[in-house]
Amino acid sequence: MVGSPRGRRDHWLVGSSATDSLSDTSRLLRLLRVQESQVRVFANQTAAWKAATQVMRTPDDGIPRSRFRPPIHVSIWS
């Protein structure tokens, strides 16, 4: 799920399992009464996570830059 700086929860970014009415994701969306227009389905969780990361890095759509910490990759050479 991705929220906006104004505190609204605009879009839910989910993997394809959300299309299965018996999945945990689908049940959660129903429980929270999330409208279908607010759900974006991706091929898998990895694709949904990547899209969410991109949205969070965009200051107009995601969380403020001051609150977001991008991933850090460290390589160790012997």
Protein backbone atom coordinates (compact mmCIF):
# COMPACT_ATOMS: atom_id res chain seq x y z
CA MET A 1 0.00 0.00 0.00
CA VAL A 2 1.21 3.47 -0.78
CA GLY A 3 0.16 6.58 1.09
CA SER A 4 0.47 10.21 0.15
CA PRO A 5 2.01 13.10 2.13
CA ARG A 6 -1.47 14.43 2.83
CA GLY A 7 -2.29 11.32 4.83
CA ARG A 8 -4.67 9.77 2.31
CA ARG A 9 -4.19 6.20 1.21
CA ASP A 10 -4.56 6.42 -2.54
CA HIS A 11 -3.48 3.13 -4.07
CA TRP A 12 -2.91 -0.42 -2.98
CA LEU A 13 -0.13 -2.05 -5.02
CA VAL A 14 -0.51 -5.82 -4.83
CA GLY A 15 0.74 -8.98 -6.51
CA SER A 16 -1.41 -11.23 -8.65
CA SER A 17 -2.48 -13.31 -5.63
CA ALA A 18 -4.94 -10.51 -4.84
CA THR A 19 -7.08 -11.71 -7.74
CA ASP A 20 -7.76 -14.98 -5.89
CA SER A 21 -10.82 -14.38 -3.71
CA LEU A 22 -9.49 -16.82 -1.09
CA SER A 23 -6.05 -15.22 -0.72
CA ASP A 24 -5.04 -13.30 2.40
CA THR A 25 -4.50 -10.16 0.32
CA SER A 26 -7.97 -10.35 -1.20
CA ARG A 27 -9.58 -10.94 2.18
CA LEU A 28 -7.73 -7.97 3.69
CA LEU A 29 -8.82 -5.67 0.85
CA ARG A 30 -12.44 -6.75 1.36
CA LEU A 31 -12.20 -6.36 5.14
CA LEU A 32 -10.88 -2.82 4.74
CA ARG A 33 -13.46 -2.10 2.03
CA VAL A 34 -10.87 -0.95 -0.46
CA GLN A 35 -12.53 0.00 -3.73
CA GLU A 36 -11.38 -1.83 -6.84
CA SER A 37 -10.41 1.50 -8.41
CA GLN A 38 -7.82 1.92 -5.63
CA VAL A 39 -6.09 -1.41 -6.31
CA ARG A 40 -3.22 -1.86 -8.79
CA VAL A 41 -2.37 -5.49 -9.52
CA PHE A 42 1.13 -6.47 -10.66
CA ALA A 43 2.47 -9.77 -11.99
CA ASN A 44 4.08 -10.58 -8.64
CA GLN A 45 5.00 -9.10 -5.25
CA THR A 46 8.44 -8.07 -6.49
CA ALA A 47 6.94 -5.93 -9.25
CA ALA A 48 4.46 -4.40 -6.80
CA TRP A 49 7.28 -3.61 -4.34
CA LYS A 50 9.38 -2.03 -7.09
CA ALA A 51 6.45 0.16 -8.17
CA ALA A 52 5.79 1.17 -4.56
CA THR A 53 9.45 2.12 -4.10
CA GLN A 54 9.29 4.31 -7.21
CA VAL A 55 6.15 6.06 -5.95
CA MET A 56 7.71 6.69 -2.54
CA ARG A 57 10.72 8.31 -4.17
CA THR A 58 8.49 10.79 -6.02
CA PRO A 59 7.90 13.70 -3.62
CA ASP A 60 4.50 14.62 -5.07
CA ASP A 61 3.06 11.11 -4.82
CA GLY A 62 4.82 9.36 -1.97
CA ILE A 63 6.15 10.07 1.46
CA PRO A 64 8.33 13.16 2.03
CA ARG A 65 11.97 12.63 1.05
CA SER A 66 13.05 13.48 4.58
CA ARG A 67 11.25 10.36 5.85
CA PHE A 68 12.29 7.92 3.13
CA ARG A 69 15.61 6.08 3.27
CA PRO A 70 16.57 4.41 0.00
CA PRO A 71 18.07 0.93 0.06
CA ILE A 72 21.81 0.73 0.65
CA HIS A 73 23.88 -1.94 -1.03
CA VAL A 74 27.30 -2.83 0.33
CA SER A 75 29.86 -4.92 -1.50
CA ILE A 76 32.63 -6.58 0.48
CA TRP A 77 35.81 -7.46 -1.39
CA SER A 78 38.30 -9.87 0.05
